[in-house]
C-alpha atoms as a PDB file:
ATOM      1  CA  MET A   1      10.252 -26.609  14.908  1.00  0.00           C
ATOM      2  CA  LYS A   2      13.036 -25.617  17.100  1.00  0.00           C
ATOM      3  CA  ILE A   3      14.556 -29.025  17.961  1.00  0.00           C
ATOM      4  CA  ILE A   4      16.878 -28.149  21.725  1.00  0.00           C
ATOM      5  CA  LEU A   5      19.024 -30.930  23.474  1.00  0.00           C
ATOM      6  CA  ALA A   6      17.703 -30.870  27.145  1.00  0.00           C
ATOM      7  CA  PRO A   7      19.843 -30.177  29.953  1.00  0.00           C
ATOM      8  CA  MET A   8      20.642 -33.242  32.423  1.00  0.00           C
ATOM      9  CA  GLU A   9      22.712 -33.218  35.163  1.00  0.00           C
ATOM     10  CA  GLY A  10      25.680 -35.823  34.599  1.00  0.00           C
ATOM     11  CA  LEU A  11      24.572 -37.015  31.068  1.00  0.00           C
ATOM     12  CA  THR A  12      24.191 -33.797  28.656  1.00  0.00           C
ATOM     13  CA  ASP A  13      27.623 -32.166  29.667  1.00  0.00           C
ATOM     14  CA  VAL A  14      30.381 -31.088  27.130  1.00  0.00           C
ATOM     15  CA  TYR A  15      30.844 -34.346  26.067  1.00  0.00           C
ATOM     16  CA  MET A  16      28.016 -35.679  25.551  1.00  0.00           C
ATOM     17  CA  ARG A  17      26.752 -32.474  23.751  1.00  0.00           C
ATOM     18  CA  ASP A  18      29.832 -32.827  21.330  1.00  0.00           C
ATOM     19  CA  VAL A  19      29.194 -36.124  20.129  1.00  0.00           C
ATOM     20  CA  LEU A  20      25.335 -35.198  19.875  1.00  0.00           C
ATOM     21  CA  THR A  21      25.781 -32.397  17.775  1.00  0.00           C
ATOM     22  CA  ARG A  22      28.324 -33.837  15.290  1.00  0.00           C
ATOM     23  CA  ILE A  23      25.729 -37.390  14.745  1.00  0.00           C
ATOM     24  CA  ALA A  24      22.766 -34.248  14.193  1.00  0.00           C
ATOM     25  CA  GLY A  25      24.641 -31.896  12.411  1.00  0.00           C
ATOM     26  CA  GLN A  26      24.754 -28.652  12.487  1.00  0.00           C
ATOM     27  CA  ASN A  27      21.181 -27.478  11.311  1.00  0.00           C
ATOM     28  CA  SER A  28      19.186 -30.425  13.983  1.00  0.00           C
ATOM     29  CA  PHE A  29      19.290 -29.744  17.320  1.00  0.00           C
ATOM     30  CA  ASP A  30      18.842 -25.468  17.366  1.00  0.00           C
ATOM     31  CA  TRP A  31      21.123 -25.410  20.658  1.00  0.00           C
ATOM     32  CA  CYS A  32      21.775 -26.961  24.013  1.00  0.00           C
ATOM     33  CA  VAL A  33      21.117 -26.127  27.091  1.00  0.00           C
ATOM     34  CA  THR A  34      24.129 -26.705  30.380  1.00  0.00           C
ATOM     35  CA  GLU A  35      24.160 -28.722  33.166  1.00  0.00           C
ATOM     36  CA  PHE A  36      22.120 -26.810  36.082  1.00  0.00           C
ATOM     37  CA  ILE A  37      25.247 -24.215  37.176  1.00  0.00           C
ATOM     38  CA  ARG A  38      23.842 -24.293  41.223  1.00  0.00           C
ATOM     39  CA  VAL A  39      24.361 -19.912  42.652  1.00  0.00           C
ATOM     40  CA  THR A  40      23.720 -20.044  45.991  1.00  0.00           C
ATOM     41  CA  ASN A  41      26.153 -17.312  48.585  1.00  0.00           C
ATOM     42  CA  HIS A  42      28.308 -15.776  46.302  1.00  0.00           C
ATOM     43  CA  LEU A  43      29.729 -14.095  42.221  1.00  0.00           C
ATOM     44  CA  LEU A  44      31.150 -17.315  40.875  1.00  0.00           C
ATOM     45  CA  PRO A  45      34.802 -17.949  40.252  1.00  0.00           C
ATOM     46  CA  ALA A  46      35.229 -18.246  36.078  1.00  0.00           C
ATOM     47  CA  HIS A  47      36.669 -21.141  36.345  1.00  0.00           C
ATOM     48  CA  THR A  48      33.239 -22.612  36.891  1.00  0.00           C
ATOM     49  CA  PHE A  49      31.756 -21.767  33.928  1.00  0.00           C
ATOM     50  CA  TYR A  50      34.390 -22.870  31.819  1.00  0.00           C
ATOM     51  CA  GLN A  51      33.492 -26.257  33.607  1.00  0.00           C
ATOM     52  CA  TYR A  52      30.413 -26.011  33.175  1.00  0.00           C
ATOM     53  CA  CYS A  53      29.965 -24.417  29.597  1.00  0.00           C
ATOM     54  CA  PRO A  54      33.476 -25.207  27.559  1.00  0.00           C
ATOM     55  CA  GLU A  55      32.568 -24.354  24.912  1.00  0.00           C
ATOM     56  CA  LEU A  56      32.605 -20.432  26.043  1.00  0.00           C
ATOM     57  CA  LEU A  57      36.232 -21.098  25.054  1.00  0.00           C
ATOM     58  CA  ASN A  58      34.455 -21.972  21.021  1.00  0.00           C
ATOM     59  CA  ASN A  59      32.858 -19.277  20.959  1.00  0.00           C
ATOM     60  CA  GLY A  60      29.613 -20.748  22.898  1.00  0.00           C
ATOM     61  CA  ARG A  61      29.121 -23.241  20.455  1.00  0.00           C
ATOM     62  CA  THR A  62      29.945 -27.050  20.404  1.00  0.00           C
ATOM     63  CA  LEU A  63      32.798 -27.951  17.715  1.00  0.00           C
ATOM     64  CA  ALA A  64      29.658 -28.870  15.643  1.00  0.00           C
ATOM     65  CA  GLY A  65      28.509 -24.934  15.943  1.00  0.00           C
ATOM     66  CA  THR A  66      25.542 -25.702  17.466  1.00  0.00           C
ATOM     67  CA  PRO A  67      25.296 -23.127  20.406  1.00  0.00           C
ATOM     68  CA  VAL A  68      25.324 -23.478  23.866  1.00  0.00           C
ATOM     69  CA  HIS A  69      22.861 -21.859  26.238  1.00  0.00           C
ATOM     70  CA  ILE A  70      24.279 -21.914  29.566  1.00  0.00           C
ATOM     71  CA  GLN A  71      21.424 -22.988  32.555  1.00  0.00           C
ATOM     72  CA  LEU A  72      21.370 -20.992  36.334  1.00  0.00           C
ATOM     73  CA  LEU A  73      19.828 -22.129  39.902  1.00  0.00           C
ATOM     74  CA  GLY A  74      19.264 -20.776  42.606  1.00  0.00           C
ATOM     75  CA  SER A  75      16.518 -18.204  44.968  1.00  0.00           C
ATOM     76  CA  GLU A  76      18.074 -14.808  45.193  1.00  0.00           C
ATOM     77  CA  PRO A  77      17.188 -12.918  42.462  1.00  0.00           C
ATOM     78  CA  LEU A  78      20.780  -9.912  42.488  1.00  0.00           C
ATOM     79  CA  LEU A  79      22.567 -12.787  42.817  1.00  0.00           C
ATOM     80  CA  LEU A  80      21.250 -15.258  39.398  1.00  0.00           C
ATOM     81  CA  ALA A  81      21.997 -11.857  38.471  1.00  0.00           C
ATOM     82  CA  GLU A  82      25.166 -11.453  38.901  1.00  0.00           C
ATOM     83  CA  ASN A  83      26.455 -14.541  38.351  1.00  0.00           C
ATOM     84  CA  ALA A  84      23.867 -14.133  34.717  1.00  0.00           C
ATOM     85  CA  ALA A  85      26.235 -10.960  33.562  1.00  0.00           C
ATOM     86  CA  ARG A  86      29.048 -12.722  34.716  1.00  0.00           C
ATOM     87  CA  ALA A  87      28.431 -16.197  32.338  1.00  0.00           C
ATOM     88  CA  ALA A  88      27.187 -13.194  29.937  1.00  0.00           C
ATOM     89  CA  ASP A  89      30.509 -11.375  30.429  1.00  0.00           C
ATOM     90  CA  LEU A  90      32.528 -14.897  29.614  1.00  0.00           C
ATOM     91  CA  GLY A  91      30.251 -14.551  26.189  1.00  0.00           C
ATOM     92  CA  ALA A  92      27.511 -17.384  26.948  1.00  0.00           C
ATOM     93  CA  VAL A  93      25.150 -16.531  24.174  1.00  0.00           C
ATOM     94  CA  ALA A  94      21.841 -17.058  26.004  1.00  0.00           C
ATOM     95  CA  ILE A  95      20.818 -17.509  30.325  1.00  0.00           C
ATOM     96  CA  ASP A  96      18.826 -20.594  31.116  1.00  0.00           C
ATOM     97  CA  LEU A  97      17.474 -20.112  34.812  1.00  0.00           C
ATOM     98  CA  ASN A  98      16.221 -23.501  36.222  1.00  0.00           C
ATOM     99  CA  PHE A  99      12.585 -23.942  38.322  1.00  0.00           C
ATOM    100  CA  GLY A 100      12.422 -27.396  37.054  1.00  0.00           C
ATOM    101  CA  CYS A 101      14.230 -29.772  39.017  1.00  0.00           C
ATOM    102  CA  PRO A 102      12.773 -31.957  41.645  1.00  0.00           C
ATOM    103  CA  ALA A 103      16.128 -32.780  43.190  1.00  0.00           C
ATOM    104  CA  LYS A 104      15.204 -33.526  47.048  1.00  0.00           C
ATOM    105  CA  THR A 105      18.487 -31.850  48.040  1.00  0.00           C
ATOM    106  CA  VAL A 106      17.793 -28.744  45.315  1.00  0.00           C
ATOM    107  CA  ASN A 107      14.881 -27.779  46.359  1.00  0.00           C
ATOM    108  CA  SER A 108      15.488 -27.678  50.783  1.00  0.00           C
ATOM    109  CA  HIS A 109      17.872 -25.233  49.566  1.00  0.00           C
ATOM    110  CA  ARG A 110      15.049 -23.859  47.225  1.00  0.00           C
ATOM    111  CA  GLY A 111      16.349 -24.376  44.150  1.00  0.00           C
ATOM    112  CA  GLY A 112      14.465 -25.638  41.266  1.00  0.00           C
ATOM    113  CA  ALA A 113      10.500 -26.968  41.292  1.00  0.00           C
ATOM    114  CA  ILE A 114      10.338 -25.759  44.599  1.00  0.00           C
ATOM    115  CA  LEU A 115       9.868 -22.514  43.537  1.00  0.00           C
ATOM    116  CA  LEU A 116       7.430 -23.118  41.894  1.00  0.00           C
ATOM    117  CA  GLU A 117       5.053 -22.577  44.799  1.00  0.00           C
ATOM    118  CA  GLU A 118       6.479 -18.568  44.444  1.00  0.00           C
ATOM    119  CA  PRO A 119       5.437 -17.533  41.510  1.00  0.00           C
ATOM    120  CA  GLU A 120       6.747 -13.310  42.590  1.00  0.00           C
ATOM    121  CA  THR A 121      10.236 -15.347  43.368  1.00  0.00           C
ATOM    122  CA  VAL A 122       9.860 -16.455  39.539  1.00  0.00           C
ATOM    123  CA  HIS A 123       9.062 -13.430  38.990  1.00  0.00           C
ATOM    124  CA  ALA A 124      11.872 -11.474  40.492  1.00  0.00           C
ATOM    125  CA  ILE A 125      14.691 -13.998  39.504  1.00  0.00           C
ATOM    126  CA  ILE A 126      13.872 -13.127  35.713  1.00  0.00           C
ATOM    127  CA  ALA A 127      13.323  -9.944  35.804  1.00  0.00           C
ATOM    128  CA  GLU A 128      16.398  -8.915  37.744  1.00  0.00           C
ATOM    129  CA  VAL A 129      18.824 -11.797  35.410  1.00  0.00           C
ATOM    130  CA  ARG A 130      16.787  -9.397  32.071  1.00  0.00           C
ATOM    131  CA  LYS A 131      17.954  -6.305  33.459  1.00  0.00           C
ATOM    132  CA  ALA A 132      21.492  -7.502  33.876  1.00  0.00           C
ATOM    133  CA  VAL A 133      22.119  -9.084  30.633  1.00  0.00           C
ATOM    134  CA  PRO A 134      22.460  -7.791  26.829  1.00  0.00           C
ATOM    135  CA  ARG A 135      19.225  -7.084  25.441  1.00  0.00           C
ATOM    136  CA  ASP A 136      20.866  -9.041  22.821  1.00  0.00           C
ATOM    137  CA  ILE A 137      21.762 -12.134  24.729  1.00  0.00           C
ATOM    138  CA  PRO A 138      17.978 -13.961  25.469  1.00  0.00           C
ATOM    139  CA  VAL A 139      16.873 -15.058  28.494  1.00  0.00           C
ATOM    140  CA  SER A 140      15.109 -18.206  29.512  1.00  0.00           C
ATOM    141  CA  ALA A 141      13.013 -20.014  31.862  1.00  0.00           C
ATOM    142  CA  LYS A 142      12.893 -24.121  32.430  1.00  0.00           C
ATOM    143  CA  MET A 143       9.619 -24.900  34.793  1.00  0.00           C
ATOM    144  CA  ARG A 144       7.164 -27.968  35.493  1.00  0.00           C
ATOM    145  CA  LEU A 145       3.620 -28.144  35.170  1.00  0.00           C
ATOM    146  CA  GLY A 146       3.758 -27.408  39.788  1.00  0.00           C
ATOM    147  CA  VAL A 147       5.716 -28.903  43.055  1.00  0.00           C
ATOM    148  CA  ASN A 148       2.588 -30.801  43.988  1.00  0.00           C
ATOM    149  CA  ASP A 149      -0.634 -30.586  41.502  1.00  0.00           C
ATOM    150  CA  HIS A 150      -1.262 -27.590  38.879  1.00  0.00           C
ATOM    151  CA  SER A 151      -2.760 -25.177  40.632  1.00  0.00           C
ATOM    152  CA  ARG A 152      -0.585 -22.560  39.704  1.00  0.00           C
ATOM    153  CA  MET A 153       0.936 -23.268  36.507  1.00  0.00           C
ATOM    154  CA  LEU A 154      -0.717 -20.609  35.063  1.00  0.00           C
ATOM    155  CA  ASP A 155       0.886 -18.397  37.768  1.00  0.00           C
ATOM    156  CA  ASN A 156       4.061 -19.436  36.860  1.00  0.00           C
ATOM    157  CA  ALA A 157       3.834 -19.230  33.451  1.00  0.00           C
ATOM    158  CA  HIS A 158       2.658 -15.250  33.405  1.00  0.00           C
ATOM    159  CA  ALA A 159       4.950 -14.578  36.170  1.00  0.00           C
ATOM    160  CA  VAL A 160       7.699 -16.111  33.857  1.00  0.00           C
ATOM    161  CA  GLU A 161       6.461 -14.281  30.707  1.00  0.00           C
ATOM    162  CA  SER A 162       5.400 -10.663  32.739  1.00  0.00           C
ATOM    163  CA  ALA A 163       9.376 -10.318  33.744  1.00  0.00           C
ATOM    164  CA  GLY A 164      10.466 -10.611  30.495  1.00  0.00           C
ATOM    165  CA  ALA A 165      11.117 -14.205  29.192  1.00  0.00           C
ATOM    166  CA  ASN A 166      11.803 -15.074  26.004  1.00  0.00           C
ATOM    167  CA  TRP A 167      10.518 -18.245  26.192  1.00  0.00           C
ATOM    168  CA  LEU A 168       9.517 -20.737  28.539  1.00  0.00           C
ATOM    169  CA  THR A 169       9.990 -24.517  28.315  1.00  0.00           C
ATOM    170  CA  VAL A 170       7.589 -26.654  30.571  1.00  0.00           C
ATOM    171  CA  HIS A 171       8.730 -30.140  31.575  1.00  0.00           C
ATOM    172  CA  ALA A 172       5.440 -32.099  31.204  1.00  0.00           C
ATOM    173  CA  ARG A 173       5.263 -33.658  35.091  1.00  0.00           C
ATOM    174  CA  THR A 174       4.847 -31.936  38.574  1.00  0.00           C
ATOM    175  CA  LYS A 175       7.726 -32.005  41.084  1.00  0.00           C
ATOM    176  CA  ALA A 176       6.005 -34.537  43.156  1.00  0.00           C
ATOM    177  CA  ASP A 177       5.336 -37.157  39.571  1.00  0.00           C
ATOM    178  CA  GLY A 178       9.912 -37.084  39.579  1.00  0.00           C
ATOM    179  CA  TYR A 179      10.184 -38.911  35.863  1.00  0.00           C
ATOM    180  CA  ARG A 180       7.113 -41.108  36.119  1.00  0.00           C
ATOM    181  CA  PRO A 181       5.398 -42.026  32.688  1.00  0.00           C
ATOM    182  CA  PRO A 182       3.825 -40.480  31.270  1.00  0.00           C
ATOM    183  CA  ALA A 183       4.560 -36.664  30.903  1.00  0.00           C
ATOM    184  CA  HIS A 184       1.048 -35.144  30.846  1.00  0.00           C
ATOM    185  CA  TRP A 185       1.736 -33.164  27.701  1.00  0.00           C
ATOM    186  CA  HIS A 186      -1.703 -32.200  27.034  1.00  0.00           C
ATOM    187  CA  VAL A 187      -1.851 -30.355  29.716  1.00  0.00           C
ATOM    188  CA  LEU A 188       0.504 -27.515  28.338  1.00  0.00           C
ATOM    189  CA  SER A 189      -2.379 -26.398  25.397  1.00  0.00           C
ATOM    190  CA  GLN A 190      -3.669 -24.303  28.593  1.00  0.00           C
ATOM    191  CA  ILE A 191      -0.106 -22.219  29.429  1.00  0.00           C
ATOM    192  CA  ARG A 192      -0.565 -21.956  25.262  1.00  0.00           C
ATOM    193  CA  GLN A 193      -3.602 -20.819  25.614  1.00  0.00           C
ATOM    194  CA  HIS A 194      -2.662 -18.237  28.089  1.00  0.00           C
ATOM    195  CA  ILE A 195       0.521 -16.657  27.181  1.00  0.00           C
ATOM    196  CA  LYS A 196       2.776 -15.175  24.191  1.00  0.00           C
ATOM    197  CA  ILE A 197       5.804 -16.131  24.155  1.00  0.00           C
ATOM    198  CA  PRO A 198       7.305 -19.887  22.517  1.00  0.00           C
ATOM    199  CA  ILE A 199       6.467 -22.648  24.910  1.00  0.00           C
ATOM    200  CA  PHE A 200       8.642 -25.905  23.961  1.00  0.00           C
ATOM    201  CA  ALA A 201       7.454 -29.110  25.581  1.00  0.00           C
ATOM    202  CA  ASN A 202       9.783 -31.848  27.245  1.00  0.00           C
ATOM    203  CA  GLY A 203       9.699 -35.046  28.427  1.00  0.00           C
ATOM    204  CA  ASP A 204       9.318 -38.483  27.515  1.00  0.00           C
ATOM    205  CA  ILE A 205       9.436 -37.721  23.835  1.00  0.00           C
ATOM    206  CA  CYS A 206      11.953 -40.620  22.468  1.00  0.00           C
ATOM    207  CA  ASN A 207      10.445 -40.849  18.834  1.00  0.00           C
ATOM    208  CA  LEU A 208       9.099 -39.937  15.853  1.00  0.00           C
ATOM    209  CA  ASN A 209       5.327 -40.659  17.333  1.00  0.00           C
ATOM    210  CA  ASP A 210       5.561 -38.894  20.110  1.00  0.00           C
ATOM    211  CA  ALA A 211       7.025 -35.662  18.812  1.00  0.00           C
ATOM    212  CA  ALA A 212       3.857 -35.533  16.462  1.00  0.00           C
ATOM    213  CA  LYS A 213       1.534 -36.642  19.902  1.00  0.00           C
ATOM    214  CA  CYS A 214       3.521 -34.151  22.096  1.00  0.00           C
ATOM    215  CA  ARG A 215       2.982 -31.546  19.442  1.00  0.00           C
ATOM    216  CA  LEU A 216      -0.379 -32.515  19.080  1.00  0.00           C
ATOM    217  CA  ASP A 217      -1.609 -32.933  22.267  1.00  0.00           C
ATOM    218  CA  SER A 218       0.333 -29.267  23.927  1.00  0.00           C
ATOM    219  CA  GLN A 219      -0.240 -27.059  21.748  1.00  0.00           C
ATOM    220  CA  CYS A 220       3.468 -26.261  21.246  1.00  0.00           C
ATOM    221  CA  ASP A 221       5.631 -26.269  17.697  1.00  0.00           C
ATOM    222  CA  ASP A 222       8.748 -27.196  19.980  1.00  0.00           C
ATOM    223  CA  LEU A 223      10.691 -29.845  21.494  1.00  0.00           C
ATOM    224  CA  MET A 224      13.021 -30.221  24.373  1.00  0.00           C
ATOM    225  CA  ILE A 225      14.549 -34.200  23.659  1.00  0.00           C
ATOM    226  CA  GLY A 226      17.159 -35.682  26.733  1.00  0.00           C
ATOM    227  CA  ARG A 227      16.280 -39.222  26.417  1.00  0.00           C
ATOM    228  CA  GLY A 228      15.227 -39.990  23.386  1.00  0.00           C
ATOM    229  CA  ALA A 229      18.333 -38.031  21.798  1.00  0.00           C
ATOM    230  CA  VAL A 230      21.285 -39.944  23.649  1.00  0.00           C
ATOM    231  CA  ILE A 231      19.169 -43.421  23.587  1.00  0.00           C
ATOM    232  CA  ARG A 232      18.652 -43.187  20.001  1.00  0.00           C
ATOM    233  CA  PRO A 233      21.481 -40.161  18.737  1.00  0.00           C
ATOM    234  CA  ASP A 234      20.198 -40.452  14.875  1.00  0.00           C
ATOM    235  CA  PHE A 235      16.369 -39.640  16.078  1.00  0.00           C
ATOM    236  CA  ILE A 236      16.923 -35.730  16.110  1.00  0.00           C
ATOM    237  CA  ARG A 237      17.810 -36.369  12.090  1.00  0.00           C
ATOM    238  CA  GLN A 238      14.774 -38.181  11.247  1.00  0.00           C
ATOM    239  CA  LEU A 239      12.592 -35.484  13.137  1.00  0.00           C
ATOM    240  CA  ARG A 240      13.891 -33.103  10.813  1.00  0.00           C
ATOM    241  CA  GLY A 241      13.174 -35.428   8.055  1.00  0.00           C
ATOM    242  CA  GLU A 242      15.971 -37.294   7.340  1.00  0.00           C
ATOM    243  CA  SER A 243      15.420 -41.031   6.258  1.00  0.00           C
ATOM    244  CA  ILE A 244      18.416 -42.196   8.009  1.00  0.00           C
ATOM    245  CA  GLU A 245      19.228 -44.387  10.902  1.00  0.00           C
ATOM    246  CA  LEU A 246      23.081 -45.455  12.257  1.00  0.00           C
ATOM    247  CA  THR A 247      24.366 -48.693  11.667  1.00  0.00           C
ATOM    248  CA  TRP A 248      25.971 -50.223  14.632  1.00  0.00           C
ATOM    249  CA  ALA A 249      29.503 -49.813  13.067  1.00  0.00           C
ATOM    250  CA  GLU A 250      28.714 -45.838  12.929  1.00  0.00           C
ATOM    251  CA  LEU A 251      27.061 -45.601  16.552  1.00  0.00           C
ATOM    252  CA  LEU A 252      31.186 -47.823  17.480  1.00  0.00           C
ATOM    253  CA  LYS A 253      33.113 -44.559  16.018  1.00  0.00           C
ATOM    254  CA  TRP A 254      30.691 -42.251  17.725  1.00  0.00           C
ATOM    255  CA  GLN A 255      31.228 -43.703  21.130  1.00  0.00           C
ATOM    256  CA  LEU A 256      35.665 -44.345  20.025  1.00  0.00           C
ATOM    257  CA  VAL A 257      34.720 -40.600  19.741  1.00  0.00           C
ATOM    258  CA  PHE A 258      33.018 -40.336  23.230  1.00  0.00           C
ATOM    259  CA  LEU A 259      35.736 -41.950  25.025  1.00  0.00           C
ATOM    260  CA  ASP A 260      38.693 -40.934  23.695  1.00  0.00           C
ATOM    261  CA  GLY A 261      37.142 -36.699  24.207  1.00  0.00           C
ATOM    262  CA  MET A 262      36.680 -37.562  27.982  1.00  0.00           C
ATOM    263  CA  ARG A 263      40.627 -39.294  27.639  1.00  0.00           C
ATOM    264  CA  GLY A 264      41.604 -36.129  26.255  1.00  0.00           C
ATOM    265  CA  ILE A 265      42.914 -37.464  23.391  1.00  0.00           C
ATOM    266  CA  GLU A 266      41.176 -35.826  20.614  1.00  0.00           C
ATOM    267  CA  ASP A 267      42.231 -32.140  20.538  1.00  0.00           C
ATOM    268  CA  ASN A 268      39.824 -29.952  20.865  1.00  0.00           C
ATOM    269  CA  PRO A 269      40.147 -25.734  22.233  1.00  0.00           C
ATOM    270  CA  TYR A 270      39.112 -25.881  25.833  1.00  0.00           C
ATOM    271  CA  HIS A 271      42.519 -24.285  27.060  1.00  0.00           C
ATOM    272  CA  ILE A 272      43.376 -21.310  29.347  1.00  0.00           C
ATOM    273  CA  ASP A 273      47.014 -20.548  29.171  1.00  0.00           C
ATOM    274  CA  GLY A 274      47.670 -23.799  27.492  1.00  0.00           C
ATOM    275  CA  LYS A 275      45.584 -25.797  29.856  1.00  0.00           C
ATOM    276  CA  SER A 276      42.947 -27.534  29.565  1.00  0.00           C
ATOM    277  CA  VAL A 277      39.475 -27.114  31.615  1.00  0.00           C
ATOM    278  CA  LEU A 278      38.372 -30.374  31.424  1.00  0.00           C
ATOM    279  CA  LYS A 279      39.968 -33.112  33.904  1.00  0.00           C
ATOM    280  CA  TRP A 280      39.104 -36.366  33.788  1.00  0.00           C
ATOM    281  CA  SER A 281      40.150 -39.291  36.591  1.00  0.00           C
ATOM    282  CA  GLU A 282      40.343 -43.147  34.864  1.00  0.00           C
ATOM    283  CA  GLN A 283      37.507 -44.139  36.517  1.00  0.00           C
ATOM    284  CA  GLY A 284      35.070 -40.894  35.246  1.00  0.00           C
ATOM    285  CA  VAL A 285      34.993 -41.476  31.605  1.00  0.00           C
ATOM    286  CA  VAL A 286      35.415 -45.022  32.903  1.00  0.00           C
ATOM    287  CA  GLY A 287      32.195 -44.663  34.533  1.00  0.00           C
ATOM    288  CA  ARG A 288      30.809 -42.203  32.112  1.00  0.00           C
ATOM    289  CA  TYR A 289      31.221 -44.209  29.193  1.00  0.00           C
ATOM    290  CA  LYS A 290      29.254 -47.409  30.753  1.00  0.00           C
ATOM    291  CA  GLN A 291      26.386 -45.004  31.619  1.00  0.00           C
ATOM    292  CA  TRP A 292      25.004 -43.805  27.835  1.00  0.00           C
ATOM    293  CA  LEU A 293      26.020 -47.693  26.880  1.00  0.00           C
ATOM    294  CA  ALA A 294      23.655 -49.099  29.315  1.00  0.00           C
ATOM    295  CA  MET A 295      21.024 -46.011  27.424  1.00  0.00           C
ATOM    296  CA  LEU A 296      22.362 -47.057  23.958  1.00  0.00           C
ATOM    297  CA  THR A 297      20.476 -50.898  25.582  1.00  0.00           C
ATOM    298  CA  GLN A 298      17.266 -49.210  24.994  1.00  0.00           C
ATOM    299  CA  GLY A 299      17.549 -48.587  21.565  1.00  0.00           C
ATOM    300  CA  TRP A 300      20.162 -50.879  19.839  1.00  0.00           C
ATOM    301  CA  PRO A 301      20.084 -54.558  20.151  1.00  0.00           C
ATOM    302  CA  GLU A 302      24.237 -54.479  20.057  1.00  0.00           C
ATOM    303  CA  ALA A 303      24.975 -52.420  22.858  1.00  0.00           C
ATOM    304  CA  LYS A 304      23.630 -55.303  25.094  1.00  0.00           C
ATOM    305  CA  LEU A 305      25.991 -57.771  23.871  1.00  0.00           C
ATOM    306  CA  LEU A 306      28.998 -54.890  24.349  1.00  0.00           C
ATOM    307  CA  PHE A 307      27.933 -53.558  27.716  1.00  0.00           C
ATOM    308  CA  GLU A 308      27.989 -57.811  28.881  1.00  0.00           C
ATOM    309  CA  GLN A 309      31.508 -57.694  27.506  1.00  0.00           C
ATOM    310  CA  ILE A 310      32.889 -54.475  29.712  1.00  0.00           C
ATOM    311  CA  LYS A 311      30.898 -54.075  32.643  1.00  0.00           C
ATOM    312  CA  LYS A 312      33.452 -55.773  34.555  1.00  0.00           C
ATOM    313  CA  GLU A 313      36.286 -54.147  32.651  1.00  0.00           C
ATOM    314  CA  ARG A 314      37.781 -50.776  34.800  1.00  0.00           C
ATOM    315  CA  GLN A 315      40.664 -49.132  32.325  1.00  0.00           C
ATOM    316  CA  CYS A 316      39.915 -47.252  29.819  1.00  0.00           C
ATOM    317  CA  GLU A 317      42.677 -48.949  27.136  1.00  0.00           C
ATOM    318  CA  GLU A 318      40.699 -52.637  27.155  1.00  0.00           C
ATOM    319  CA  ILE A 319      37.505 -50.853  27.451  1.00  0.00           C
ATOM    320  CA  ARG A 320      38.618 -49.306  24.116  1.00  0.00           C
ATOM    321  CA  ARG A 321      40.512 -52.590  22.237  1.00  0.00           C
ATOM    322  CA  ILE A 322      36.787 -54.158  23.070  1.00  0.00           C
ATOM    323  CA  ILE A 323      35.158 -51.755  20.926  1.00  0.00           C
ATOM    324  CA  THR A 324      37.517 -51.705  18.211  1.00  0.00           C
ATOM    325  CA  GLU A 325      37.478 -55.480  17.817  1.00  0.00           C
ATOM    326  CA  GLN A 326      33.792 -55.575  17.442  1.00  0.00           C
END
């Protein structure tokens, strides 16, 4: 079973990837995928790729050694291919293509899940990207079941496979479903019957029972997990068969690592000419930490108490003081 940390815009950035892969350990996540990099009308400069994937400056890996794949989003095959080639030149270990984002602003510009109405475009994008990057760099795709229904699901799956993708990740909802439960894992079994490349099941996998049921219903061995790993950072090691449960005291230490990483206190290898490619304002750091703590309240009762203490705080140093006094 392969387990992948899902790309989630504004959530699984370099800091979250760093902490989650360090908690999970080098052999728990097989790889991570970046938040999508939007490609519209030009070849992106190197600093954009470094902004989304600073791990390029660490041989394409998190500090724990977990590979990080770069995800691109757009609708122009040749332009995406050109940007994929640049990412490869900068050290990307793999390229993933986004056909799953359901956001209206993205879809209105012919990006993400709306392209599932055009299997021929899905095929063209993947085929051009596959031609543009070296053969030893995998190219993959992530899609949903469709836009409003499943009528073009198999057309898109065949398009992905025939264009030369190495594997396919499927979020088990349509664009119209958004993120409303449930995820329709059983529908993935239909795709599994028709294509030969590996399929990763994605959507609503938050605990061991979810993982087992998803694999059974979808007939897919491999999983991409997002919020479940953020809410319970010890979940992935449990999924690997370890009898482990983080204590709240241990998790508090990791929250400090997360906070200090964004503040630039922890050393990192993400520098060019002596300057860090990571820049966060005080407000940004505080907001990102509160976002994670709010999610932790779904898995940790202690997180609710801590959130009540820090929810009105605006300064990192004060939040850090409150954490260390727990």
